């Protein structure tokens, strides 16, 4: 076998291969044979490859990711730089400018600036349109590019070119990001007589405390019902999900079960001293409801505590541990799966097609998979489906846009008109969109070459009135007031009110 100089990554690879090989190798001879094959391949690669290759490239970017690729997409090897970045992310605070914006293809319009944040101190106002960020023209970007640019700009000082409609001139703002306290309880208001609505954006260390405070503010145990909105909630701390579920489930009831090949089965239950709320509960979900959110939704469904309404959830129920390795490297490894109280795996099957030869493919199932069986039952015997994620009791999908609605949304007509209208008109919280306001909006659209037919306009009159009121309230009173208007036509909230008897 050709000889080659020892390099640090070989030690890391040896550690990983040792753990993997022990699963398959019955004795040391088999393990030794496998290790020699790997080392021999590396020696040939190092000495004969057409282009020079470092051991870091071969091991960190090749051999180790290849080893993990057969497990699941969430098991990841961290080289020294990535591992250091991971630790930094774990200890860093969320930073931003404190601005709520409306994102449209090629347009960013300010809806609200939070008090005592960089955006408010700099003088940004609702209705301002951001034309460029750090020299990047907004009009040239699609929505995905816009989101990436906004995320990147929050990491350091950013220069904004802003058009203020009231003056018609371009203004320059320079903002330094600051730590922003973004509570996971985003919204709390009434959507019907005695029926509250609360939206959770994530699960952090303060979620259950803040959720209880929001419930108490709405009436506590005297509520007739509660709509808990977990749409677009990517999860967060599992401990926070357990505390949240304990606000509604009975003491001793099972919340979630953790089970893995090398991990002892562990069931998390509601504390015996818990004093849960008794009012009716509906939970809203969609395809971006994931992880800790699915733990809560699955437990509520299995114990018949809540009606789940909306779209099937994402299906991420993996338990991961981060292992420290030599040379300042690390490994995030899936060690177990989360199961709902009825036994459903939250994790959807992780399957991929791996090419073999031309025209041939092998369907490979990863180790993290959903249950073999598909049918499960709640405490009352009601059937619920397995297969990963949480399937709602009532499937309700958000409506799409028709031709006129799409044109109005893409053009930013609603927020732009709201900005112009509020320059010359004051509104209070009792404001309603009158026929005169609709006429003004129609003239506004005509000036921008948007001229719907009479029948089309009449058919969309209710939608247009609602959207106008939403945007006017967004800019006049803040986005929470705008959300309250929007809730009145949200099909999932309307279904929840029907279920709760509101």
Protein backbone atom coordinates (compact mmCIF):
# COMPACT_ATOMS: atom_id res chain seq x y z
CA UNK A 1 0.00 0.00 0.00
CA UNK A 2 1.43 3.45 -0.84
CA UNK A 3 2.40 5.54 2.16
CA UNK A 4 1.12 9.06 2.77
CA UNK A 5 1.70 11.69 5.42
CA UNK A 6 -0.59 11.70 8.48
CA UNK A 7 -3.04 14.57 8.57
CA UNK A 8 -5.48 15.67 11.29
CA UNK A 9 -8.74 14.87 9.41
CA UNK A 10 -7.75 11.20 9.28
CA UNK A 11 -8.15 11.02 13.05
CA UNK A 12 -11.69 12.43 12.81
CA UNK A 13 -12.55 10.03 9.99
CA UNK A 14 -11.22 7.09 11.98
CA UNK A 15 -13.44 8.00 14.92
CA UNK A 16 -16.53 8.25 12.72
CA UNK A 17 -15.79 5.11 10.74
CA UNK A 18 -15.13 3.22 13.95
CA UNK A 19 -18.60 4.03 15.24
CA UNK A 20 -20.25 3.25 11.90
CA UNK A 21 -18.28 0.09 11.22
CA UNK A 22 -19.02 -1.39 14.63
CA UNK A 23 -22.67 -1.55 13.59
CA UNK A 24 -21.85 -3.86 10.71
CA UNK A 25 -18.50 -5.50 11.57
CA UNK A 26 -18.76 -8.68 13.63
CA UNK A 27 -15.08 -8.66 14.63
CA UNK A 28 -11.92 -6.58 14.54
CA UNK A 29 -10.68 -8.22 11.35
CA UNK A 30 -13.70 -6.96 9.42
CA UNK A 31 -13.29 -3.46 10.87
CA UNK A 32 -9.59 -3.48 10.00
CA UNK A 33 -10.37 -4.54 6.43
CA UNK A 34 -12.84 -1.70 5.98
CA UNK A 35 -10.46 0.87 7.40
CA UNK A 36 -7.61 -0.28 5.14
CA UNK A 37 -9.85 0.09 2.09
CA UNK A 38 -10.65 3.69 3.01
CA UNK A 39 -7.05 4.61 3.75
CA UNK A 40 -5.86 3.00 0.54
CA UNK A 41 -8.39 4.90 -1.52
CA UNK A 42 -7.29 8.15 0.09
CA UNK A 43 -3.61 7.41 -0.61
CA UNK A 44 -4.31 6.85 -4.31
CA UNK A 45 -6.42 9.99 -4.47
CA UNK A 46 -3.74 12.12 -2.84
CA UNK A 47 -0.89 10.90 -5.04
CA UNK A 48 -2.61 10.55 -8.42
CA UNK A 49 -5.55 12.99 -8.66
CA UNK A 50 -5.29 15.38 -11.64
CA UNK A 51 -5.66 18.39 -9.36
CA UNK A 52 -4.05 18.75 -5.92
CA UNK A 53 -6.42 17.89 -3.10
CA UNK A 54 -6.08 18.56 0.60
CA UNK A 55 -6.99 16.10 3.31
CA UNK A 56 -9.67 18.55 4.49
CA UNK A 57 -11.34 18.40 1.07
CA UNK A 58 -11.17 14.63 0.86
CA UNK A 59 -12.32 13.92 4.40
CA UNK A 60 -14.37 16.89 5.60
CA UNK A 61 -16.15 17.54 2.29
CA UNK A 62 -16.14 14.03 0.84
CA UNK A 63 -15.78 10.93 2.99
CA UNK A 64 -17.63 12.06 6.10
CA UNK A 65 -20.62 13.71 4.32
CA UNK A 66 -20.80 10.56 2.17
CA UNK A 67 -21.00 8.44 5.32
CA UNK A 68 -23.84 10.57 6.72
CA UNK A 69 -25.74 10.80 3.43
CA UNK A 70 -27.12 7.30 3.98
CA UNK A 71 -28.71 8.29 7.28
CA UNK A 72 -30.89 11.38 6.92
CA UNK A 73 -30.53 14.95 5.62
CA UNK A 74 -30.42 16.39 9.14
CA UNK A 75 -27.32 14.53 10.37
CA UNK A 76 -24.43 16.89 9.63
CA UNK A 77 -20.67 17.00 10.13
CA UNK A 78 -19.21 20.37 11.16
CA UNK A 79 -15.65 21.22 10.20
CA UNK A 80 -13.76 23.56 12.62
CA UNK A 81 -15.11 26.73 11.01
CA UNK A 82 -18.69 25.48 10.87
CA UNK A 83 -18.55 24.15 14.43
CA UNK A 84 -17.34 27.51 15.72
CA UNK A 85 -20.17 29.19 13.80
CA UNK A 86 -22.68 26.80 15.39
CA UNK A 87 -21.52 27.76 18.89
CA UNK A 88 -21.74 31.43 17.95
CA UNK A 89 -25.32 31.00 16.72
CA UNK A 90 -26.28 29.24 19.96
CA UNK A 91 -25.11 32.17 22.07
CA UNK A 92 -26.02 35.08 19.79
CA UNK A 93 -29.09 37.28 20.14
CA UNK A 94 -31.59 37.99 17.38
CA UNK A 95 -30.73 41.26 15.69
CA UNK A 96 -32.67 43.50 13.39
CA UNK A 97 -33.97 47.00 12.71
CA UNK A 98 -37.48 46.72 14.21
CA UNK A 99 -39.34 47.26 10.95
CA UNK A 100 -42.45 45.43 9.74
CA UNK A 101 -42.62 45.49 5.96
CA UNK A 102 -44.86 44.35 3.13
CA UNK A 103 -42.93 42.21 0.64
CA UNK A 104 -43.96 42.27 -3.01
CA UNK A 105 -41.99 41.16 -6.07
CA UNK A 106 -39.55 44.03 -6.57
CA UNK A 107 -41.04 46.17 -3.78
CA UNK A 108 -40.63 46.61 -0.01
CA UNK A 109 -43.06 48.94 1.77
CA UNK A 110 -42.78 49.86 5.47
CA UNK A 111 -45.93 49.07 7.43
CA UNK A 112 -44.75 49.75 10.96
CA UNK A 113 -41.67 50.69 12.96
CA UNK A 114 -41.40 49.40 16.52
CA UNK A 115 -40.72 51.91 19.29
CA UNK A 116 -37.12 52.45 20.39
CA UNK A 117 -35.66 50.37 17.55
CA UNK A 118 -33.08 51.45 14.93
CA UNK A 119 -35.75 52.03 12.28
CA UNK A 120 -37.87 54.25 14.55
CA UNK A 121 -34.85 56.22 15.79
CA UNK A 122 -33.66 56.77 12.21
CA UNK A 123 -37.05 58.20 11.21
CA UNK A 124 -38.53 55.54 8.92
CA UNK A 125 -42.32 55.92 8.64
CA UNK A 126 -45.23 53.71 7.58
CA UNK A 127 -45.74 54.04 3.83
CA UNK A 128 -42.04 54.58 3.06
CA UNK A 129 -40.87 52.44 0.15
CA UNK A 130 -37.38 50.95 0.35
CA UNK A 131 -35.81 51.24 -3.10
CA UNK A 132 -32.35 49.82 -2.40
CA UNK A 133 -30.41 48.11 0.39
CA UNK A 134 -26.62 48.43 0.38
CA UNK A 135 -26.76 49.35 -3.29
CA UNK A 136 -28.94 46.40 -4.35
CA UNK A 137 -32.00 47.63 -6.27
CA UNK A 138 -35.17 46.11 -4.86
CA UNK A 139 -37.02 46.27 -8.19
CA UNK A 140 -34.61 43.74 -9.72
CA UNK A 141 -35.23 41.03 -7.10
CA UNK A 142 -37.87 38.33 -6.75
CA UNK A 143 -39.43 37.42 -3.38
CA UNK A 144 -36.86 34.77 -2.48
CA UNK A 145 -33.97 37.09 -3.30
CA UNK A 146 -35.64 39.86 -1.30
CA UNK A 147 -35.94 37.66 1.77
CA UNK A 148 -32.27 36.67 1.50
CA UNK A 149 -31.19 40.30 1.14
CA UNK A 150 -33.26 41.40 4.16
CA UNK A 151 -31.84 38.55 6.25
CA UNK A 152 -28.26 39.39 5.31
CA UNK A 153 -28.73 43.13 5.84
CA UNK A 154 -29.65 42.58 9.50
CA UNK A 155 -26.16 41.29 10.28
CA UNK A 156 -24.31 44.61 9.95
CA UNK A 157 -24.75 48.32 9.21
CA UNK A 158 -27.09 48.80 6.26
CA UNK A 159 -27.66 51.72 3.92
CA UNK A 160 -31.25 52.19 2.73
CA UNK A 161 -32.49 54.35 -0.15
CA UNK A 162 -36.09 55.23 0.67
CA UNK A 163 -38.86 56.97 -1.24
CA UNK A 164 -41.25 58.92 0.99
CA UNK A 165 -44.54 59.42 -0.90
CA UNK A 166 -45.42 62.61 0.96
CA UNK A 167 -42.27 64.36 -0.30
CA UNK A 168 -41.62 62.51 -3.54
CA UNK A 169 -37.88 62.50 -2.91
CA UNK A 170 -35.38 59.74 -2.19
CA UNK A 171 -33.96 59.73 1.33
CA UNK A 172 -30.85 57.96 2.63
CA UNK A 173 -30.91 56.06 5.95
CA UNK A 174 -28.04 54.25 7.64
CA UNK A 175 -29.15 51.71 10.27
CA UNK A 176 -27.13 49.65 12.74
CA UNK A 177 -28.82 46.39 13.80
CA UNK A 178 -29.69 45.97 17.47
CA UNK A 179 -30.92 43.15 19.64
CA UNK A 180 -34.67 42.84 19.12
CA UNK A 181 -36.91 41.22 21.68
CA UNK A 182 -39.40 39.38 19.49
CA UNK A 183 -41.95 37.63 21.74
CA UNK A 184 -43.20 34.26 20.50
CA UNK A 185 -46.77 35.35 21.31
CA UNK A 186 -47.28 37.62 18.31
CA UNK A 187 -51.00 38.37 18.47
CA UNK A 188 -53.79 38.11 21.03
CA UNK A 189 -57.29 39.44 20.40
CA UNK A 190 -60.93 38.39 20.18
CA UNK A 191 -62.36 36.89 16.99
CA UNK A 192 -65.85 36.19 18.32
CA UNK A 193 -67.98 36.59 21.46
CA UNK A 194 -65.84 35.12 24.24
CA UNK A 195 -63.50 33.45 21.74
CA UNK A 196 -59.87 34.50 21.76
CA UNK A 197 -57.22 34.22 19.09
CA UNK A 198 -53.49 33.83 19.83
CA UNK A 199 -50.70 33.39 17.30
CA UNK A 200 -47.45 31.71 18.34
CA UNK A 201 -44.48 32.36 16.05
CA UNK A 202 -42.03 29.98 17.78
CA UNK A 203 -41.30 28.13 21.02
CA UNK A 204 -38.72 29.76 23.27
CA UNK A 205 -37.99 29.82 26.99
CA UNK A 206 -40.73 32.41 27.66
CA UNK A 207 -43.48 30.97 25.42
CA UNK A 208 -45.64 29.18 28.02
CA UNK A 209 -45.39 32.10 30.46
CA UNK A 210 -46.27 34.63 27.75
CA UNK A 211 -49.06 32.40 26.44
CA UNK A 212 -50.63 32.10 29.88
CA UNK A 213 -50.40 35.88 30.31
CA UNK A 214 -52.10 36.42 26.94
CA UNK A 215 -54.88 33.98 27.83
CA UNK A 216 -55.44 35.69 31.17
CA UNK A 217 -55.60 39.07 29.46
CA UNK A 218 -58.37 37.73 27.20
CA UNK A 219 -60.34 36.32 30.11
CA UNK A 220 -58.50 33.23 31.33
CA UNK A 221 -60.70 30.29 32.25
CA UNK A 222 -63.83 32.29 31.45
CA UNK A 223 -63.14 32.16 27.71
CA UNK A 224 -65.71 30.30 25.65
CA UNK A 225 -62.95 29.08 23.37
CA UNK A 226 -59.50 29.77 21.98
CA UNK A 227 -58.04 29.67 18.47
CA UNK A 228 -54.32 28.86 18.77
CA UNK A 229 -52.56 29.69 15.49
CA UNK A 230 -49.44 27.59 14.83
CA UNK A 231 -49.21 28.35 11.12
CA UNK A 232 -45.65 29.08 9.96
CA UNK A 233 -44.35 28.16 13.43
CA UNK A 234 -41.07 26.26 12.79
CA UNK A 235 -40.79 24.98 16.36
CA UNK A 236 -38.02 25.75 18.83
CA UNK A 237 -37.42 24.46 22.35
CA UNK A 238 -39.08 21.11 23.06
CA UNK A 239 -39.30 22.04 26.75
CA UNK A 240 -41.41 25.06 25.75
CA UNK A 241 -43.72 22.80 23.73
CA UNK A 242 -44.16 20.52 26.76
CA UNK A 243 -45.00 23.49 28.99
CA UNK A 244 -47.45 24.81 26.40
CA UNK A 245 -49.24 21.46 26.10
CA UNK A 246 -49.46 21.32 29.90
CA UNK A 247 -51.62 24.45 29.85
CA UNK A 248 -54.42 22.44 28.22
CA UNK A 249 -53.96 18.72 28.97
CA UNK A 250 -54.83 16.87 32.17
CA UNK A 251 -52.14 16.02 34.77
CA UNK A 252 -50.39 12.76 33.95
CA UNK A 253 -51.42 12.69 30.31
CA UNK A 254 -48.70 11.76 27.84
CA UNK A 255 -47.45 14.57 25.59
CA UNK A 256 -44.76 12.94 23.45
CA UNK A 257 -42.58 9.83 23.37
CA UNK A 258 -38.92 9.74 22.34
CA UNK A 259 -37.67 6.45 20.91
CA UNK A 260 -34.41 5.44 19.19
CA UNK A 261 -32.18 2.43 18.57
CA UNK A 262 -29.58 3.39 21.19
CA UNK A 263 -31.79 5.74 23.23
CA UNK A 264 -34.00 4.42 26.04
CA UNK A 265 -37.67 5.13 25.38
CA UNK A 266 -38.81 8.17 27.30
CA UNK A 267 -42.33 9.57 27.65
CA UNK A 268 -42.94 13.21 28.60
CA UNK A 269 -46.14 13.75 30.60
CA UNK A 270 -48.09 16.66 32.04
CA UNK A 271 -46.93 17.52 35.59
CA UNK A 272 -49.22 16.18 38.29
CA UNK A 273 -49.67 19.66 39.80
CA UNK A 274 -50.73 21.24 36.48
CA UNK A 275 -53.99 23.19 36.42
CA UNK A 276 -55.05 23.23 32.77
CA UNK A 277 -57.58 25.48 31.09
CA UNK A 278 -60.88 23.78 30.26
CA UNK A 279 -62.28 25.96 27.44
CA UNK A 280 -62.72 24.65 23.91
CA UNK A 281 -59.64 24.76 21.71
CA UNK A 282 -58.96 24.88 17.97
CA UNK A 283 -55.42 24.76 16.54
CA UNK A 284 -54.53 26.12 13.08
CA UNK A 285 -51.71 24.48 11.09
CA UNK A 286 -50.12 24.57 7.65
CA UNK A 287 -47.17 23.05 5.81
CA UNK A 288 -44.72 25.22 7.76
CA UNK A 289 -45.96 24.07 11.15
CA UNK A 290 -43.01 21.96 12.29
CA UNK A 291 -41.10 20.25 15.07
CA UNK A 292 -42.15 21.51 18.53
CA UNK A 293 -45.39 22.84 17.01
CA UNK A 294 -46.22 19.35 15.79
CA UNK A 295 -45.60 17.92 19.26
CA UNK A 296 -48.26 20.26 20.65
CA UNK A 297 -50.75 19.71 17.81
CA UNK A 298 -50.29 15.92 17.86
CA UNK A 299 -50.80 15.65 21.61
CA UNK A 300 -53.93 17.82 21.52
CA UNK A 301 -55.38 15.75 18.69
CA UNK A 302 -54.60 12.36 20.26
CA UNK A 303 -56.23 13.34 23.56
CA UNK A 304 -59.28 14.85 21.79
CA UNK A 305 -58.43 18.16 23.46
CA UNK A 306 -58.45 20.33 20.32
CA UNK A 307 -59.74 20.31 16.78
CA UNK A 308 -56.88 20.67 14.30
CA UNK A 309 -57.80 22.86 11.30
CA UNK A 310 -55.84 23.70 8.16
CA UNK A 311 -53.17 21.92 6.13
CA UNK A 312 -51.02 18.87 7.04
CA UNK A 313 -47.95 19.86 9.03
CA UNK A 314 -44.32 19.66 7.87
CA UNK A 315 -43.39 16.35 9.51
CA UNK A 316 -40.13 17.00 11.39
CA UNK A 317 -39.84 14.81 14.46
CA UNK A 318 -36.15 14.02 14.82
CA UNK A 319 -34.20 14.03 18.08
CA UNK A 320 -30.68 15.27 17.44
CA UNK A 321 -27.59 15.38 19.62
CA UNK A 322 -24.42 17.32 18.86
CA UNK A 323 -21.22 15.38 19.58
CA UNK A 324 -17.84 17.04 20.04
CA UNK A 325 -15.06 15.42 18.01
CA UNK A 326 -11.29 15.94 17.87
CA UNK A 327 -9.68 18.92 16.16
CA UNK A 328 -12.60 21.27 17.03
CA UNK A 329 -15.06 19.43 14.80
CA UNK A 330 -18.53 18.17 15.62
CA UNK A 331 -21.35 15.90 14.52
CA UNK A 332 -25.08 16.57 14.71
CA UNK A 333 -26.60 13.09 14.66
CA UNK A 334 -30.20 11.93 14.64
CA UNK A 335 -30.47 9.56 17.60
CA UNK A 336 -34.23 9.10 18.03
CA UNK A 337 -37.69 10.04 16.78
CA UNK A 338 -40.64 11.80 18.42
CA UNK A 339 -43.99 9.98 18.58
CA UNK A 340 -47.40 11.33 19.52
CA UNK A 341 -49.29 9.73 22.47
CA UNK A 342 -51.16 7.37 20.12
CA UNK A 343 -47.85 6.15 18.66
CA UNK A 344 -47.68 8.15 15.42
CA UNK A 345 -44.23 9.14 14.23
CA UNK A 346 -44.12 12.91 13.70
CA UNK A 347 -41.27 12.45 11.22
CA UNK A 348 -42.28 11.89 7.61
CA UNK A 349 -40.42 9.18 5.68
CA UNK A 350 -37.05 10.38 4.41
CA UNK A 351 -36.76 8.82 0.99
CA UNK A 352 -34.56 9.70 -1.92
CA UNK A 353 -33.74 8.29 -5.32
CA UNK A 354 -30.08 7.41 -5.67
CA UNK A 355 -28.75 6.89 -9.25
CA UNK A 356 -27.05 3.54 -9.90
CA UNK A 357 -26.39 3.30 -13.61
CA UNK A 358 -27.84 5.04 -16.61
CA UNK A 359 -31.60 4.67 -16.47
CA UNK A 360 -31.61 2.83 -13.13
CA UNK A 361 -32.55 4.16 -9.71
CA UNK A 362 -32.70 2.62 -6.28
CA UNK A 363 -35.28 3.92 -3.81
CA UNK A 364 -33.44 4.23 -0.52
CA UNK A 365 -35.26 4.73 2.76
CA UNK A 366 -33.35 6.60 5.44
CA UNK A 367 -33.14 5.31 9.00
CA UNK A 368 -35.56 7.98 10.23
CA UNK A 369 -38.91 6.77 8.98
CA UNK A 370 -42.58 6.91 9.84
CA UNK A 371 -44.60 4.01 11.24
CA UNK A 372 -45.29 0.82 9.34
CA UNK A 373 -49.01 1.16 10.17
CA UNK A 374 -51.08 4.09 8.96
CA UNK A 375 -54.15 4.10 11.23
CA UNK A 376 -54.14 5.18 14.87
CA UNK A 377 -56.83 6.20 17.37
CA UNK A 378 -57.38 9.04 19.80
CA UNK A 379 -58.41 8.54 23.43
CA UNK A 380 -62.07 8.41 22.37
CA UNK A 381 -61.37 5.83 19.65
CA UNK A 382 -61.55 8.34 16.81
CA UNK A 383 -59.26 7.27 13.91
CA UNK A 384 -56.32 9.53 13.00
CA UNK A 385 -53.82 8.98 10.21
CA UNK A 386 -50.12 8.27 10.58
CA UNK A 387 -47.43 8.59 7.94
CA UNK A 388 -45.67 11.61 9.41
CA UNK A 389 -46.77 15.08 10.38
CA UNK A 390 -50.21 15.87 11.79
CA UNK A 391 -53.20 15.52 9.47
CA UNK A 392 -55.87 18.07 10.49
CA UNK A 393 -59.34 17.00 11.56
CA UNK A 394 -60.72 19.60 9.16
CA UNK A 395 -58.68 20.19 6.00
CA UNK A 396 -58.96 23.84 5.02
CA UNK A 397 -56.64 25.41 2.45
CA UNK A 398 -56.06 29.14 1.94
CA UNK A 399 -57.77 30.44 -1.21
CA UNK A 400 -55.68 31.37 -4.22
CA UNK A 401 -55.82 34.68 -6.09
CA UNK A 402 -57.92 35.24 -9.17
CA UNK A 403 -56.70 37.48 -12.00
CA UNK A 404 -57.76 40.81 -10.48
CA UNK A 405 -56.65 39.94 -6.95
CA UNK A 406 -53.24 38.86 -8.22
CA UNK A 407 -52.82 42.11 -10.16
CA UNK A 408 -53.77 44.25 -7.17
CA UNK A 409 -51.45 42.37 -4.78
CA UNK A 410 -48.47 42.24 -7.15
CA UNK A 411 -48.70 45.95 -7.91
CA UNK A 412 -48.80 46.96 -4.24
CA UNK A 413 -51.99 48.87 -4.91
CA UNK A 414 -53.48 48.43 -1.43
CA UNK A 415 -50.53 49.68 0.70
CA UNK A 416 -49.73 52.42 -1.84
CA UNK A 417 -53.30 53.74 -1.80
CA UNK A 418 -53.36 53.54 2.01
CA UNK A 419 -50.25 55.71 2.22
CA UNK A 420 -51.71 58.28 -0.16
CA UNK A 421 -55.14 58.28 1.55
CA UNK A 422 -53.70 58.75 5.04
CA UNK A 423 -51.71 61.80 3.93
CA UNK A 424 -54.94 63.78 3.64
CA UNK A 425 -57.41 61.82 5.81
CA UNK A 426 -57.47 60.81 9.45
CA UNK A 427 -59.25 57.61 10.47
CA UNK A 428 -60.26 56.11 13.80
CA UNK A 429 -60.75 52.45 14.78
CA UNK A 430 -64.44 52.64 13.81
CA UNK A 431 -63.50 53.45 10.21
CA UNK A 432 -65.21 51.52 7.43
CA UNK A 433 -64.53 51.55 3.72
CA UNK A 434 -67.37 53.58 2.20
CA UNK A 435 -68.51 53.71 -1.45
CA UNK A 436 -66.69 57.06 -1.68
CA UNK A 437 -63.39 55.43 -0.59
CA UNK A 438 -63.93 52.67 -3.15
CA UNK A 439 -64.46 55.30 -5.85
CA UNK A 440 -61.21 56.98 -4.84
CA UNK A 441 -59.43 53.64 -5.03
CA UNK A 442 -60.88 52.94 -8.46
CA UNK A 443 -59.58 56.32 -9.71
CA UNK A 444 -56.20 55.52 -8.11
CA UNK A 445 -56.07 52.24 -10.05
CA UNK A 446 -57.09 53.87 -13.31
CA UNK A 447 -54.15 56.25 -12.97
CA UNK A 448 -51.92 53.16 -12.89
CA UNK A 449 -53.57 51.47 -15.88
CA UNK A 450 -55.50 48.93 -13.78
CA UNK A 451 -59.08 49.07 -14.98
CA UNK A 452 -61.20 46.02 -14.07
CA UNK A 453 -64.55 45.51 -15.75
CA UNK A 454 -67.79 46.40 -13.96
CA UNK A 455 -68.75 42.76 -13.31
CA UNK A 456 -65.23 41.94 -12.06
CA UNK A 457 -65.22 44.97 -9.77
CA UNK A 458 -68.62 44.13 -8.26
CA UNK A 459 -67.62 40.49 -7.72
CA UNK A 460 -64.49 41.54 -5.81
CA UNK A 461 -65.99 44.48 -3.93
CA UNK A 462 -66.01 42.71 -0.54
CA UNK A 463 -62.43 41.47 -0.97
CA UNK A 464 -61.21 44.92 -2.03
CA UNK A 465 -62.95 46.63 0.91
CA UNK A 466 -61.38 44.21 3.38
CA UNK A 467 -57.88 44.56 1.93
CA UNK A 468 -58.14 48.36 1.90
CA UNK A 469 -59.20 48.43 5.53
CA UNK A 470 -56.39 46.04 6.47
CA UNK A 471 -53.70 48.21 4.88
CA UNK A 472 -55.15 51.44 6.24
CA UNK A 473 -55.16 49.97 9.76
CA UNK A 474 -51.64 48.56 9.27
CA UNK A 475 -50.28 52.03 8.64
CA UNK A 476 -52.55 54.02 10.93
CA UNK A 477 -52.60 51.82 14.04
CA UNK A 478 -50.03 49.03 13.53
CA UNK A 479 -50.08 45.57 12.00
CA UNK A 480 -51.90 43.95 14.94
CA UNK A 481 -54.98 46.06 14.16
CA UNK A 482 -54.59 45.16 10.49
CA UNK A 483 -54.43 41.47 11.43
CA UNK A 484 -57.70 41.79 13.32
CA UNK A 485 -59.35 43.03 10.15
CA UNK A 486 -57.75 40.25 8.09
CA UNK A 487 -58.95 37.62 10.57
CA UNK A 488 -62.56 38.34 9.66
CA UNK A 489 -62.09 36.77 6.23
CA UNK A 490 -59.49 34.10 7.09
CA UNK A 491 -61.12 30.76 6.10
CA UNK A 492 -59.28 28.80 8.82
CA UNK A 493 -60.35 31.20 11.56
CA UNK A 494 -63.92 31.17 10.23
CA UNK A 495 -63.90 27.36 10.36
CA UNK A 496 -62.50 27.49 13.90
CA UNK A 497 -65.35 29.80 14.97
CA UNK A 498 -67.82 27.35 13.48
CA UNK A 499 -66.22 24.45 15.40
CA UNK A 500 -66.04 26.38 18.66
CA UNK A 501 -69.57 27.68 18.33
CA UNK A 502 -68.58 31.32 17.99
